[in-house]
Amino acid sequence: MSDAKPVEEMTFEEAMRELEQVVGKLERGDVPLEDSIALYERGAALKKRCEDRLKAAEEKVEAITADAEGNATGTRPATGL
């Protein structure tokens, strides 16, 4: 994994795709313990990256749908993302 792209440089889609691969490897259970630990740590970082990107997207949507006073401009802000 040393040649893996740094998590903080990944797009949401890249992080989600790799997170799915990590989960699949861990679920199979055929990875040595030390590798499992490294995979788990990478997976945790990928999960956080996905959460951060979703939160940023939600904030952008809310900013677009609210006027300067914070009033709705005809579209409800996204919630629960």
PDB file of N, CA and C in Angstrom:
ATOM      1  N   MET A   1       0.793  -1.192   0.000  1.00  0.00           N
ATOM      2  CA  MET A   1       0.000   0.000   0.000  1.00  0.00           C
ATOM      3  C   MET A   1       0.842   1.266   0.000  1.00  0.00           C
ATOM      4  N   SER A   2       2.109   1.154   0.013  1.00  0.00           N
ATOM      5  CA  SER A   2       2.977   2.325   0.077  1.00  0.00           C
ATOM      6  C   SER A   2       2.862   3.192  -1.173  1.00  0.00           C
ATOM      7  N   ASP A   3       2.423   2.618  -2.299  1.00  0.00           N
ATOM      8  CA  ASP A   3       2.268   3.395  -3.516  1.00  0.00           C
ATOM      9  C   ASP A   3       0.834   3.894  -3.690  1.00  0.00           C
ATOM     10  N   ALA A   4       0.012   3.734  -2.669  1.00  0.00           N
ATOM     11  CA  ALA A   4      -1.376   4.169  -2.732  1.00  0.00           C
ATOM     12  C   ALA A   4      -1.459   5.690  -2.695  1.00  0.00           C
ATOM     13  N   LYS A   5      -2.451   6.223  -3.358  1.00  0.00           N
ATOM     14  CA  LYS A   5      -2.679   7.668  -3.391  1.00  0.00           C
ATOM     15  C   LYS A   5      -3.010   8.156  -1.978  1.00  0.00           C
ATOM     16  N   PRO A   6      -2.460   9.279  -1.571  1.00  0.00           N
ATOM     17  CA  PRO A   6      -2.794   9.817  -0.251  1.00  0.00           C
ATOM     18  C   PRO A   6      -4.300  10.083  -0.149  1.00  0.00           C
ATOM     19  N   VAL A   7      -4.900   9.672   0.954  1.00  0.00           N
ATOM     20  CA  VAL A   7      -6.341   9.794   1.146  1.00  0.00           C
ATOM     21  C   VAL A   7      -6.795  11.241   0.995  1.00  0.00           C
ATOM     22  N   GLU A   8      -6.031  12.177   1.532  1.00  0.00           N
ATOM     23  CA  GLU A   8      -6.443  13.583   1.498  1.00  0.00           C
ATOM     24  C   GLU A   8      -6.456  14.176   0.086  1.00  0.00           C
ATOM     25  N   GLU A   9      -5.910  13.470  -0.889  1.00  0.00           N
ATOM     26  CA  GLU A   9      -5.920  13.928  -2.284  1.00  0.00           C
ATOM     27  C   GLU A   9      -7.022  13.264  -3.107  1.00  0.00           C
ATOM     28  N   MET A  10      -7.757  12.345  -2.506  1.00  0.00           N
ATOM     29  CA  MET A  10      -8.759  11.577  -3.238  1.00  0.00           C
ATOM     30  C   MET A  10     -10.075  12.326  -3.384  1.00  0.00           C
ATOM     31  N   THR A  11     -10.738  12.062  -4.504  1.00  0.00           N
ATOM     32  CA  THR A  11     -12.101  12.534  -4.670  1.00  0.00           C
ATOM     33  C   THR A  11     -13.004  11.624  -3.837  1.00  0.00           C
ATOM     34  N   PHE A  12     -14.250  12.032  -3.671  1.00  0.00           N
ATOM     35  CA  PHE A  12     -15.205  11.191  -2.954  1.00  0.00           C
ATOM     36  C   PHE A  12     -15.313   9.821  -3.613  1.00  0.00           C
ATOM     37  N   GLU A  13     -15.426   9.822  -4.937  1.00  0.00           N
ATOM     38  CA  GLU A  13     -15.608   8.565  -5.666  1.00  0.00           C
ATOM     39  C   GLU A  13     -14.404   7.639  -5.519  1.00  0.00           C
ATOM     40  N   GLU A  14     -13.206   8.194  -5.571  1.00  0.00           N
ATOM     41  CA  GLU A  14     -11.999   7.378  -5.399  1.00  0.00           C
ATOM     42  C   GLU A  14     -11.949   6.775  -3.998  1.00  0.00           C
ATOM     43  N   ALA A  15     -12.242   7.599  -3.006  1.00  0.00           N
ATOM     44  CA  ALA A  15     -12.204   7.121  -1.619  1.00  0.00           C
ATOM     45  C   ALA A  15     -13.262   6.053  -1.383  1.00  0.00           C
ATOM     46  N   MET A  16     -14.454   6.250  -1.911  1.00  0.00           N
ATOM     47  CA  MET A  16     -15.527   5.272  -1.728  1.00  0.00           C
ATOM     48  C   MET A  16     -15.180   3.948  -2.404  1.00  0.00           C
ATOM     49  N   ARG A  17     -14.630   4.025  -3.606  1.00  0.00           N
ATOM     50  CA  ARG A  17     -14.254   2.806  -4.347  1.00  0.00           C
ATOM     51  C   ARG A  17     -13.199   2.018  -3.572  1.00  0.00           C
ATOM     52  N   GLU A  18     -12.171   2.727  -3.069  1.00  0.00           N
ATOM     53  CA  GLU A  18     -11.135   2.022  -2.321  1.00  0.00           C
ATOM     54  C   GLU A  18     -11.664   1.503  -0.994  1.00  0.00           C
ATOM     55  N   LEU A  19     -12.538   2.260  -0.350  1.00  0.00           N
ATOM     56  CA  LEU A  19     -13.127   1.809   0.909  1.00  0.00           C
ATOM     57  C   LEU A  19     -13.893   0.504   0.700  1.00  0.00           C
ATOM     58  N   GLU A  20     -14.620   0.405  -0.393  1.00  0.00           N
ATOM     59  CA  GLU A  20     -15.337  -0.837  -0.708  1.00  0.00           C
ATOM     60  C   GLU A  20     -14.362  -1.999  -0.879  1.00  0.00           C
ATOM     61  N   GLN A  21     -13.218  -1.748  -1.503  1.00  0.00           N
ATOM     62  CA  GLN A  21     -12.206  -2.801  -1.681  1.00  0.00           C
ATOM     63  C   GLN A  21     -11.623  -3.226  -0.335  1.00  0.00           C
ATOM     64  N   VAL A  22     -11.346  -2.243   0.521  1.00  0.00           N
ATOM     65  CA  VAL A  22     -10.789  -2.534   1.849  1.00  0.00           C
ATOM     66  C   VAL A  22     -11.764  -3.387   2.648  1.00  0.00           C
ATOM     67  N   VAL A  23     -13.028  -2.996   2.649  1.00  0.00           N
ATOM     68  CA  VAL A  23     -14.040  -3.739   3.392  1.00  0.00           C
ATOM     69  C   VAL A  23     -14.130  -5.173   2.860  1.00  0.00           C
ATOM     70  N   GLY A  24     -14.097  -5.323   1.549  1.00  0.00           N
ATOM     71  CA  GLY A  24     -14.152  -6.657   0.958  1.00  0.00           C
ATOM     72  C   GLY A  24     -12.993  -7.543   1.407  1.00  0.00           C
ATOM     73  N   LYS A  25     -11.798  -6.981   1.431  1.00  0.00           N
ATOM     74  CA  LYS A  25     -10.625  -7.747   1.871  1.00  0.00           C
ATOM     75  C   LYS A  25     -10.749  -8.142   3.339  1.00  0.00           C
ATOM     76  N   LEU A  26     -11.192  -7.216   4.158  1.00  0.00           N
ATOM     77  CA  LEU A  26     -11.328  -7.499   5.589  1.00  0.00           C
ATOM     78  C   LEU A  26     -12.431  -8.520   5.844  1.00  0.00           C
ATOM     79  N   GLU A  27     -13.507  -8.453   5.095  1.00  0.00           N
ATOM     80  CA  GLU A  27     -14.603  -9.405   5.267  1.00  0.00           C
ATOM     81  C   GLU A  27     -14.208 -10.822   4.879  1.00  0.00           C
ATOM     82  N   ARG A  28     -13.358 -10.947   3.868  1.00  0.00           N
ATOM     83  CA  ARG A  28     -12.902 -12.287   3.458  1.00  0.00           C
ATOM     84  C   ARG A  28     -12.094 -12.960   4.554  1.00  0.00           C
ATOM     85  N   GLY A  29     -11.366 -12.167   5.332  1.00  0.00           N
ATOM     86  CA  GLY A  29     -10.612 -12.709   6.455  1.00  0.00           C
ATOM     87  C   GLY A  29      -9.358 -13.472   6.071  1.00  0.00           C
ATOM     88  N   ASP A  30      -8.896 -13.340   4.846  1.00  0.00           N
ATOM     89  CA  ASP A  30      -7.716 -14.088   4.414  1.00  0.00           C
ATOM     90  C   ASP A  30      -6.461 -13.217   4.373  1.00  0.00           C
ATOM     91  N   VAL A  31      -6.496 -12.107   5.103  1.00  0.00           N
ATOM     92  CA  VAL A  31      -5.377 -11.175   5.148  1.00  0.00           C
ATOM     93  C   VAL A  31      -4.640 -11.363   6.475  1.00  0.00           C
ATOM     94  N   PRO A  32      -3.307 -11.440   6.458  1.00  0.00           N
ATOM     95  CA  PRO A  32      -2.551 -11.572   7.704  1.00  0.00           C
ATOM     96  C   PRO A  32      -2.871 -10.431   8.678  1.00  0.00           C
ATOM     97  N   LEU A  33      -2.707 -10.682   9.960  1.00  0.00           N
ATOM     98  CA  LEU A  33      -3.074  -9.731  10.999  1.00  0.00           C
ATOM     99  C   LEU A  33      -2.476  -8.352  10.783  1.00  0.00           C
ATOM    100  N   GLU A  34      -1.168  -8.273  10.545  1.00  0.00           N
ATOM    101  CA  GLU A  34      -0.525  -6.969  10.365  1.00  0.00           C
ATOM    102  C   GLU A  34      -1.123  -6.212   9.174  1.00  0.00           C
ATOM    103  N   ASP A  35      -1.390  -6.924   8.091  1.00  0.00           N
ATOM    104  CA  ASP A  35      -2.014  -6.299   6.923  1.00  0.00           C
ATOM    105  C   ASP A  35      -3.444  -5.879   7.233  1.00  0.00           C
ATOM    106  N   SER A  36      -4.147  -6.678   8.040  1.00  0.00           N
ATOM    107  CA  SER A  36      -5.509  -6.336   8.434  1.00  0.00           C
ATOM    108  C   SER A  36      -5.540  -5.038   9.229  1.00  0.00           C
ATOM    109  N   ILE A  37      -4.570  -4.870  10.099  1.00  0.00           N
ATOM    110  CA  ILE A  37      -4.490  -3.641  10.895  1.00  0.00           C
ATOM    111  C   ILE A  37      -4.262  -2.445   9.979  1.00  0.00           C
ATOM    112  N   ALA A  38      -3.337  -2.584   9.049  1.00  0.00           N
ATOM    113  CA  ALA A  38      -3.056  -1.494   8.107  1.00  0.00           C
ATOM    114  C   ALA A  38      -4.279  -1.195   7.244  1.00  0.00           C
ATOM    115  N   LEU A  39      -4.962  -2.243   6.792  1.00  0.00           N
ATOM    116  CA  LEU A  39      -6.172  -2.052   5.995  1.00  0.00           C
ATOM    117  C   LEU A  39      -7.250  -1.340   6.806  1.00  0.00           C
ATOM    118  N   TYR A  40      -7.413  -1.742   8.062  1.00  0.00           N
ATOM    119  CA  TYR A  40      -8.409  -1.108   8.925  1.00  0.00           C
ATOM    120  C   TYR A  40      -8.107   0.386   9.092  1.00  0.00           C
ATOM    121  N   GLU A  41      -6.840   0.711   9.326  1.00  0.00           N
ATOM    122  CA  GLU A  41      -6.453   2.117   9.486  1.00  0.00           C
ATOM    123  C   GLU A  41      -6.706   2.907   8.199  1.00  0.00           C
ATOM    124  N   ARG A  42      -6.378   2.310   7.065  1.00  0.00           N
ATOM    125  CA  ARG A  42      -6.625   2.964   5.773  1.00  0.00           C
ATOM    126  C   ARG A  42      -8.131   3.136   5.561  1.00  0.00           C
ATOM    127  N   GLY A  43      -8.879   2.108   5.904  1.00  0.00           N
ATOM    128  CA  GLY A  43     -10.328   2.183   5.773  1.00  0.00           C
ATOM    129  C   GLY A  43     -10.930   3.285   6.632  1.00  0.00           C
ATOM    130  N   ALA A  44     -10.434   3.451   7.843  1.00  0.00           N
ATOM    131  CA  ALA A  44     -10.923   4.507   8.730  1.00  0.00           C
ATOM    132  C   ALA A  44     -10.643   5.885   8.123  1.00  0.00           C
ATOM    133  N   ALA A  45      -9.455   6.054   7.545  1.00  0.00           N
ATOM    134  CA  ALA A  45      -9.103   7.325   6.905  1.00  0.00           C
ATOM    135  C   ALA A  45      -9.976   7.567   5.671  1.00  0.00           C
ATOM    136  N   LEU A  46     -10.240   6.517   4.906  1.00  0.00           N
ATOM    137  CA  LEU A  46     -11.095   6.643   3.724  1.00  0.00           C
ATOM    138  C   LEU A  46     -12.524   7.008   4.117  1.00  0.00           C
ATOM    139  N   LYS A  47     -13.024   6.384   5.172  1.00  0.00           N
ATOM    140  CA  LYS A  47     -14.374   6.682   5.667  1.00  0.00           C
ATOM    141  C   LYS A  47     -14.471   8.142   6.081  1.00  0.00           C
ATOM    142  N   LYS A  48     -13.470   8.633   6.792  1.00  0.00           N
ATOM    143  CA  LYS A  48     -13.468  10.024   7.216  1.00  0.00           C
ATOM    144  C   LYS A  48     -13.434  10.954   6.001  1.00  0.00           C
ATOM    145  N   ARG A  49     -12.650  10.621   5.003  1.00  0.00           N
ATOM    146  CA  ARG A  49     -12.567  11.430   3.783  1.00  0.00           C
ATOM    147  C   ARG A  49     -13.941  11.511   3.112  1.00  0.00           C
ATOM    148  N   CYS A  50     -14.626  10.378   3.010  1.00  0.00           N
ATOM    149  CA  CYS A  50     -15.955  10.364   2.399  1.00  0.00           C
ATOM    150  C   CYS A  50     -16.925  11.230   3.202  1.00  0.00           C
ATOM    151  N   GLU A  51     -16.893  11.094   4.527  1.00  0.00           N
ATOM    152  CA  GLU A  51     -17.767  11.898   5.383  1.00  0.00           C
ATOM    153  C   GLU A  51     -17.477  13.384   5.222  1.00  0.00           C
ATOM    154  N   ASP A  52     -16.202  13.746   5.189  1.00  0.00           N
ATOM    155  CA  ASP A  52     -15.815  15.153   5.041  1.00  0.00           C
ATOM    156  C   ASP A  52     -16.281  15.717   3.698  1.00  0.00           C
ATOM    157  N   ARG A  53     -16.115  14.931   2.630  1.00  0.00           N
ATOM    158  CA  ARG A  53     -16.531  15.394   1.300  1.00  0.00           C
ATOM    159  C   ARG A  53     -18.052  15.552   1.235  1.00  0.00           C
ATOM    160  N   LEU A  54     -18.792  14.631   1.850  1.00  0.00           N
ATOM    161  CA  LEU A  54     -20.247  14.745   1.866  1.00  0.00           C
ATOM    162  C   LEU A  54     -20.692  15.975   2.656  1.00  0.00           C
ATOM    163  N   LYS A  55     -20.037  16.227   3.779  1.00  0.00           N
ATOM    164  CA  LYS A  55     -20.375  17.395   4.595  1.00  0.00           C
ATOM    165  C   LYS A  55     -20.101  18.680   3.810  1.00  0.00           C
ATOM    166  N   ALA A  56     -18.987  18.729   3.102  1.00  0.00           N
ATOM    167  CA  ALA A  56     -18.664  19.900   2.296  1.00  0.00           C
ATOM    168  C   ALA A  56     -19.706  20.103   1.198  1.00  0.00           C
ATOM    169  N   ALA A  57     -20.141  19.020   0.582  1.00  0.00           N
ATOM    170  CA  ALA A  57     -21.163  19.121  -0.462  1.00  0.00           C
ATOM    171  C   ALA A  57     -22.480  19.612   0.125  1.00  0.00           C
ATOM    172  N   GLU A  58     -22.838  19.104   1.290  1.00  0.00           N
ATOM    173  CA  GLU A  58     -24.069  19.538   1.956  1.00  0.00           C
ATOM    174  C   GLU A  58     -24.008  21.031   2.270  1.00  0.00           C
ATOM    175  N   GLU A  59     -22.887  21.506   2.755  1.00  0.00           N
ATOM    176  CA  GLU A  59     -22.743  22.927   3.070  1.00  0.00           C
ATOM    177  C   GLU A  59     -22.860  23.787   1.819  1.00  0.00           C
ATOM    178  N   LYS A  60     -22.338  23.313   0.699  1.00  0.00           N
ATOM    179  CA  LYS A  60     -22.459  24.059  -0.555  1.00  0.00           C
ATOM    180  C   LYS A  60     -23.917  24.138  -0.989  1.00  0.00           C
ATOM    181  N   VAL A  61     -24.632  23.028  -0.880  1.00  0.00           N
ATOM    182  CA  VAL A  61     -26.045  23.013  -1.255  1.00  0.00           C
ATOM    183  C   VAL A  61     -26.818  23.973  -0.367  1.00  0.00           C
ATOM    184  N   GLU A  62     -26.563  23.952   0.926  1.00  0.00           N
ATOM    185  CA  GLU A  62     -27.262  24.850   1.842  1.00  0.00           C
ATOM    186  C   GLU A  62     -26.939  26.305   1.524  1.00  0.00           C
ATOM    187  N   ALA A  63     -25.703  26.596   1.162  1.00  0.00           N
ATOM    188  CA  ALA A  63     -25.313  27.960   0.833  1.00  0.00           C
ATOM    189  C   ALA A  63     -26.021  28.429  -0.438  1.00  0.00           C
ATOM    190  N   ILE A  64     -26.194  27.552  -1.373  1.00  0.00           N
ATOM    191  CA  ILE A  64     -26.840  27.901  -2.633  1.00  0.00           C
ATOM    192  C   ILE A  64     -28.331  28.144  -2.422  1.00  0.00           C
ATOM    193  N   THR A  65     -28.964  27.410  -1.540  1.00  0.00           N
ATOM    194  CA  THR A  65     -30.413  27.491  -1.387  1.00  0.00           C
ATOM    195  C   THR A  65     -30.869  28.512  -0.359  1.00  0.00           C
ATOM    196  N   ALA A  66     -29.938  29.219   0.286  1.00  0.00           N
ATOM    197  CA  ALA A  66     -30.308  30.232   1.265  1.00  0.00           C
ATOM    198  C   ALA A  66     -29.829  31.603   0.794  1.00  0.00           C
ATOM    199  N   ASP A  67     -30.652  32.619   1.086  1.00  0.00           N
ATOM    200  CA  ASP A  67     -30.226  33.966   0.731  1.00  0.00           C
ATOM    201  C   ASP A  67     -29.326  34.529   1.820  1.00  0.00           C
ATOM    202  N   ALA A  68     -28.940  35.769   1.692  1.00  0.00           N
ATOM    203  CA  ALA A  68     -27.990  36.379   2.626  1.00  0.00           C
ATOM    204  C   ALA A  68     -28.505  36.392   4.063  1.00  0.00           C
ATOM    205  N   GLU A  69     -29.828  36.453   4.231  1.00  0.00           N
ATOM    206  CA  GLU A  69     -30.401  36.454   5.584  1.00  0.00           C
ATOM    207  C   GLU A  69     -30.659  35.045   6.103  1.00  0.00           C
ATOM    208  N   GLY A  70     -30.351  34.050   5.304  1.00  0.00           N
ATOM    209  CA  GLY A  70     -30.557  32.668   5.719  1.00  0.00           C
ATOM    210  C   GLY A  70     -31.949  32.150   5.421  1.00  0.00           C
ATOM    211  N   ASN A  71     -32.739  32.919   4.670  1.00  0.00           N
ATOM    212  CA  ASN A  71     -34.090  32.491   4.311  1.00  0.00           C
ATOM    213  C   ASN A  71     -34.029  31.550   3.115  1.00  0.00           C
ATOM    214  N   ALA A  72     -34.927  30.605   3.105  1.00  0.00           N
ATOM    215  CA  ALA A  72     -34.997  29.664   1.982  1.00  0.00           C
ATOM    216  C   ALA A  72     -35.336  30.424   0.712  1.00  0.00           C
ATOM    217  N   THR A  73     -34.736  30.010  -0.389  1.00  0.00           N
ATOM    218  CA  THR A  73     -34.966  30.675  -1.670  1.00  0.00           C
ATOM    219  C   THR A  73     -35.842  29.816  -2.583  1.00  0.00           C
ATOM    220  N   GLY A  74     -36.692  28.991  -2.003  1.00  0.00           N
ATOM    221  CA  GLY A  74     -37.589  28.173  -2.803  1.00  0.00           C
ATOM    222  C   GLY A  74     -37.238  26.696  -2.765  1.00  0.00           C
ATOM    223  N   THR A  75     -36.052  26.367  -2.308  1.00  0.00           N
ATOM    224  CA  THR A  75     -35.617  24.983  -2.208  1.00  0.00           C
ATOM    225  C   THR A  75     -35.142  24.726  -0.798  1.00  0.00           C
ATOM    226  N   ARG A  76     -35.601  23.656  -0.205  1.00  0.00           N
ATOM    227  CA  ARG A  76     -35.167  23.343   1.159  1.00  0.00           C
ATOM    228  C   ARG A  76     -33.713  22.917   1.154  1.00  0.00           C
ATOM    229  N   PRO A  77     -32.941  23.331   2.169  1.00  0.00           N
ATOM    230  CA  PRO A  77     -31.565  22.846   2.288  1.00  0.00           C
ATOM    231  C   PRO A  77     -31.536  21.333   2.472  1.00  0.00           C
ATOM    232  N   ALA A  78     -30.536  20.704   1.916  1.00  0.00           N
ATOM    233  CA  ALA A  78     -30.362  19.269   2.065  1.00  0.00           C
ATOM    234  C   ALA A  78     -30.121  18.939   3.516  1.00  0.00           C
ATOM    235  N   THR A  79     -30.726  17.867   4.005  1.00  0.00           N
ATOM    236  CA  THR A  79     -30.498  17.413   5.379  1.00  0.00           C
ATOM    237  C   THR A  79     -30.260  15.923   5.373  1.00  0.00           C
ATOM    238  N   GLY A  80     -29.557  15.462   6.390  1.00  0.00           N
ATOM    239  CA  GLY A  80     -29.359  14.031   6.561  1.00  0.00           C
ATOM    240  C   GLY A  80     -28.359  13.396   5.620  1.00  0.00           C
ATOM    241  N   LEU A  81     -27.531  14.172   4.955  1.00  0.00           N
ATOM    242  CA  LEU A  81     -26.527  13.580   4.060  1.00  0.00           C
ATOM    243  C   LEU A  81     -25.445  12.921   4.810  1.00  0.00           C
TER     244      LEU A  81
END
